[in-house]
Amino acid sequence: MSVVVKGVDIPESCRECPFENYYSDTGKTVCMASLRVLAIGFGIISFDGRHSSCPLVALPDKHGRLVDADALIEDVDGDLTDSIAEGRAIEKIMEAKTVIEAEDSE
């Protein structure tokens, strides 16, 4: 399951990320979003920018409602009396831009 935090921008680097956590007792720096160790032995983070495994994803600045397209296709399928219109509606839904990738449900 994912969480969307409205009004928060993705940081440009792990060093300025609110999910970065430094443990002064062990000298580890950990990303609390991915649970990856970013630095050990009281060292600094050895890379610039965001780690390649960063799970943070930006939403487009401007977007419409985010809906479940798969559920919408199921609703439309068999609902319209005109099979050509139904086919076009399903095609349009399938061609729509994906804003957030689907997640596996547990």
C-alpha atoms as a PDB file:
ATOM      1  CA  MET A   1       0.000   0.000   0.000  1.00  0.00           C
ATOM      2  CA  SER A   2       1.244   3.474  -0.802  1.00  0.00           C
ATOM      3  CA  VAL A   3       0.745   6.852   0.779  1.00  0.00           C
ATOM      4  CA  VAL A   4       0.389  10.172  -1.018  1.00  0.00           C
ATOM      5  CA  VAL A   5       1.466  13.205   0.989  1.00  0.00           C
ATOM      6  CA  LYS A   6      -0.150  16.257  -0.564  1.00  0.00           C
ATOM      7  CA  GLY A   7       1.849  19.474  -0.763  1.00  0.00           C
ATOM      8  CA  VAL A   8       5.255  17.851  -0.211  1.00  0.00           C
ATOM      9  CA  ASP A   9       7.889  17.978  -2.955  1.00  0.00           C
ATOM     10  CA  ILE A  10      10.360  15.164  -3.546  1.00  0.00           C
ATOM     11  CA  PRO A  11      13.771  16.199  -2.230  1.00  0.00           C
ATOM     12  CA  GLU A  12      16.662  16.401  -4.682  1.00  0.00           C
ATOM     13  CA  SER A  13      18.946  14.360  -2.441  1.00  0.00           C
ATOM     14  CA  CYS A  14      18.761  11.838   0.378  1.00  0.00           C
ATOM     15  CA  ARG A  15      20.597  14.310   2.631  1.00  0.00           C
ATOM     16  CA  GLU A  16      17.577  16.659   2.637  1.00  0.00           C
ATOM     17  CA  CYS A  17      14.884  13.974   2.701  1.00  0.00           C
ATOM     18  CA  PRO A  18      12.547  13.694   5.697  1.00  0.00           C
ATOM     19  CA  PHE A  19      12.861   9.884   5.437  1.00  0.00           C
ATOM     20  CA  GLU A  20      16.641  10.012   6.007  1.00  0.00           C
ATOM     21  CA  ASN A  21      17.452   9.005   9.571  1.00  0.00           C
ATOM     22  CA  TYR A  22      20.866   9.171  11.221  1.00  0.00           C
ATOM     23  CA  TYR A  23      21.490   6.938  14.245  1.00  0.00           C
ATOM     24  CA  SER A  24      24.139   8.645  16.340  1.00  0.00           C
ATOM     25  CA  ASP A  25      24.657   5.564  18.526  1.00  0.00           C
ATOM     26  CA  THR A  26      25.614   3.287  15.589  1.00  0.00           C
ATOM     27  CA  GLY A  27      26.725   5.818  12.979  1.00  0.00           C
ATOM     28  CA  LYS A  28      24.279   4.473  10.401  1.00  0.00           C
ATOM     29  CA  THR A  29      22.224   6.603   8.059  1.00  0.00           C
ATOM     30  CA  VAL A  30      19.088   4.794   6.931  1.00  0.00           C
ATOM     31  CA  CYS A  31      16.371   5.594   4.425  1.00  0.00           C
ATOM     32  CA  MET A  32      13.158   4.937   6.318  1.00  0.00           C
ATOM     33  CA  ALA A  33      11.154   4.808   3.059  1.00  0.00           C
ATOM     34  CA  SER A  34      13.177   1.962   1.514  1.00  0.00           C
ATOM     35  CA  LEU A  35      14.864   0.669   4.698  1.00  0.00           C
ATOM     36  CA  ARG A  36      18.239   0.819   2.928  1.00  0.00           C
ATOM     37  CA  VAL A  37      21.410   1.731   4.765  1.00  0.00           C
ATOM     38  CA  LEU A  38      22.812   4.846   3.083  1.00  0.00           C
ATOM     39  CA  ALA A  39      25.997   5.216   5.155  1.00  0.00           C
ATOM     40  CA  ILE A  40      27.754   3.310   7.927  1.00  0.00           C
ATOM     41  CA  GLY A  41      30.560   3.825  10.407  1.00  0.00           C
ATOM     42  CA  PHE A  42      29.720   7.464  11.100  1.00  0.00           C
ATOM     43  CA  GLY A  43      30.423   8.232   7.423  1.00  0.00           C
ATOM     44  CA  ILE A  44      28.589  10.549   5.115  1.00  0.00           C
ATOM     45  CA  ILE A  45      26.276   9.447   2.328  1.00  0.00           C
ATOM     46  CA  SER A  46      28.721   8.572  -0.476  1.00  0.00           C
ATOM     47  CA  PHE A  47      26.585   9.672  -3.419  1.00  0.00           C
ATOM     48  CA  ASP A  48      24.870  12.830  -4.592  1.00  0.00           C
ATOM     49  CA  GLY A  49      21.177  13.055  -5.341  1.00  0.00           C
ATOM     50  CA  ARG A  50      18.663  10.337  -4.598  1.00  0.00           C
ATOM     51  CA  HIS A  51      19.587   6.664  -4.224  1.00  0.00           C
ATOM     52  CA  SER A  52      18.667   4.508  -7.238  1.00  0.00           C
ATOM     53  CA  SER A  53      16.268   2.520  -5.034  1.00  0.00           C
ATOM     54  CA  CYS A  54      14.373   5.598  -3.850  1.00  0.00           C
ATOM     55  CA  PRO A  55      10.674   4.671  -3.757  1.00  0.00           C
ATOM     56  CA  LEU A  56       9.406   8.270  -3.864  1.00  0.00           C
ATOM     57  CA  VAL A  57       7.394   9.110  -6.982  1.00  0.00           C
ATOM     58  CA  ALA A  58       6.269  12.573  -8.034  1.00  0.00           C
ATOM     59  CA  LEU A  59       2.742  13.180  -9.228  1.00  0.00           C
ATOM     60  CA  PRO A  60       2.360  15.591 -12.145  1.00  0.00           C
ATOM     61  CA  ASP A  61       1.839  19.185 -11.003  1.00  0.00           C
ATOM     62  CA  LYS A  62      -1.495  19.271 -12.779  1.00  0.00           C
ATOM     63  CA  HIS A  63      -3.665  16.214 -13.068  1.00  0.00           C
ATOM     64  CA  GLY A  64      -7.293  15.277 -12.962  1.00  0.00           C
ATOM     65  CA  ARG A  65      -8.911  12.756 -10.679  1.00  0.00           C
ATOM     66  CA  LEU A  66      -6.903   9.596 -10.209  1.00  0.00           C
ATOM     67  CA  VAL A  67      -9.221   6.652 -10.784  1.00  0.00           C
ATOM     68  CA  ASP A  68      -8.868   2.875 -10.942  1.00  0.00           C
ATOM     69  CA  ALA A  69      -8.922   2.303 -14.717  1.00  0.00           C
ATOM     70  CA  ASP A  70      -9.122  -1.486 -14.365  1.00  0.00           C
ATOM     71  CA  ALA A  71     -12.275  -1.181 -12.247  1.00  0.00           C
ATOM     72  CA  LEU A  72     -13.698   1.341 -14.712  1.00  0.00           C
ATOM     73  CA  ILE A  73     -13.144  -1.082 -17.610  1.00  0.00           C
ATOM     74  CA  GLU A  74     -14.978  -3.779 -15.661  1.00  0.00           C
ATOM     75  CA  ASP A  75     -17.880  -1.358 -15.083  1.00  0.00           C
ATOM     76  CA  VAL A  76     -18.067  -0.344 -18.755  1.00  0.00           C
ATOM     77  CA  ASP A  77     -17.640  -3.889 -20.108  1.00  0.00           C
ATOM     78  CA  GLY A  78     -21.123  -5.164 -20.953  1.00  0.00           C
ATOM     79  CA  ASP A  79     -22.842  -2.002 -19.719  1.00  0.00           C
ATOM     80  CA  LEU A  80     -23.225  -0.176 -23.015  1.00  0.00           C
ATOM     81  CA  THR A  81     -25.841  -1.299 -25.522  1.00  0.00           C
ATOM     82  CA  ASP A  82     -23.672  -0.269 -28.489  1.00  0.00           C
ATOM     83  CA  SER A  83     -20.718  -2.684 -28.704  1.00  0.00           C
ATOM     84  CA  ILE A  84     -18.709  -0.284 -30.907  1.00  0.00           C
ATOM     85  CA  ALA A  85     -19.106   2.549 -28.375  1.00  0.00           C
ATOM     86  CA  GLU A  86     -18.194   0.117 -25.586  1.00  0.00           C
ATOM     87  CA  GLY A  87     -15.066  -0.963 -27.455  1.00  0.00           C
ATOM     88  CA  ARG A  88     -14.041   2.651 -28.029  1.00  0.00           C
ATOM     89  CA  ALA A  89     -14.639   3.554 -24.372  1.00  0.00           C
ATOM     90  CA  ILE A  90     -12.512   0.629 -23.166  1.00  0.00           C
ATOM     91  CA  GLU A  91      -9.800   1.484 -25.723  1.00  0.00           C
ATOM     92  CA  LYS A  92      -9.697   5.116 -24.518  1.00  0.00           C
ATOM     93  CA  ILE A  93      -9.437   4.008 -20.890  1.00  0.00           C
ATOM     94  CA  MET A  94      -6.601   1.594 -21.721  1.00  0.00           C
ATOM     95  CA  GLU A  95      -4.731   4.317 -23.669  1.00  0.00           C
ATOM     96  CA  ALA A  96      -5.031   6.882 -20.863  1.00  0.00           C
ATOM     97  CA  LYS A  97      -1.784   8.097 -19.302  1.00  0.00           C
ATOM     98  CA  THR A  98      -0.765   6.185 -16.180  1.00  0.00           C
ATOM     99  CA  VAL A  99      -0.079   8.596 -13.315  1.00  0.00           C
ATOM    100  CA  ILE A 100       0.665   5.960 -10.655  1.00  0.00           C
ATOM    101  CA  GLU A 101       1.615   2.385 -11.566  1.00  0.00           C
ATOM    102  CA  ALA A 102      -0.594  -0.425 -10.273  1.00  0.00           C
ATOM    103  CA  GLU A 103       0.480  -2.234  -7.120  1.00  0.00           C
ATOM    104  CA  ASP A 104       0.184  -5.899  -6.363  1.00  0.00           C
ATOM    105  CA  SER A 105      -2.635  -6.474  -3.915  1.00  0.00           C
ATOM    106  CA  GLU A 106      -1.863  -8.706  -0.992  1.00  0.00           C
END
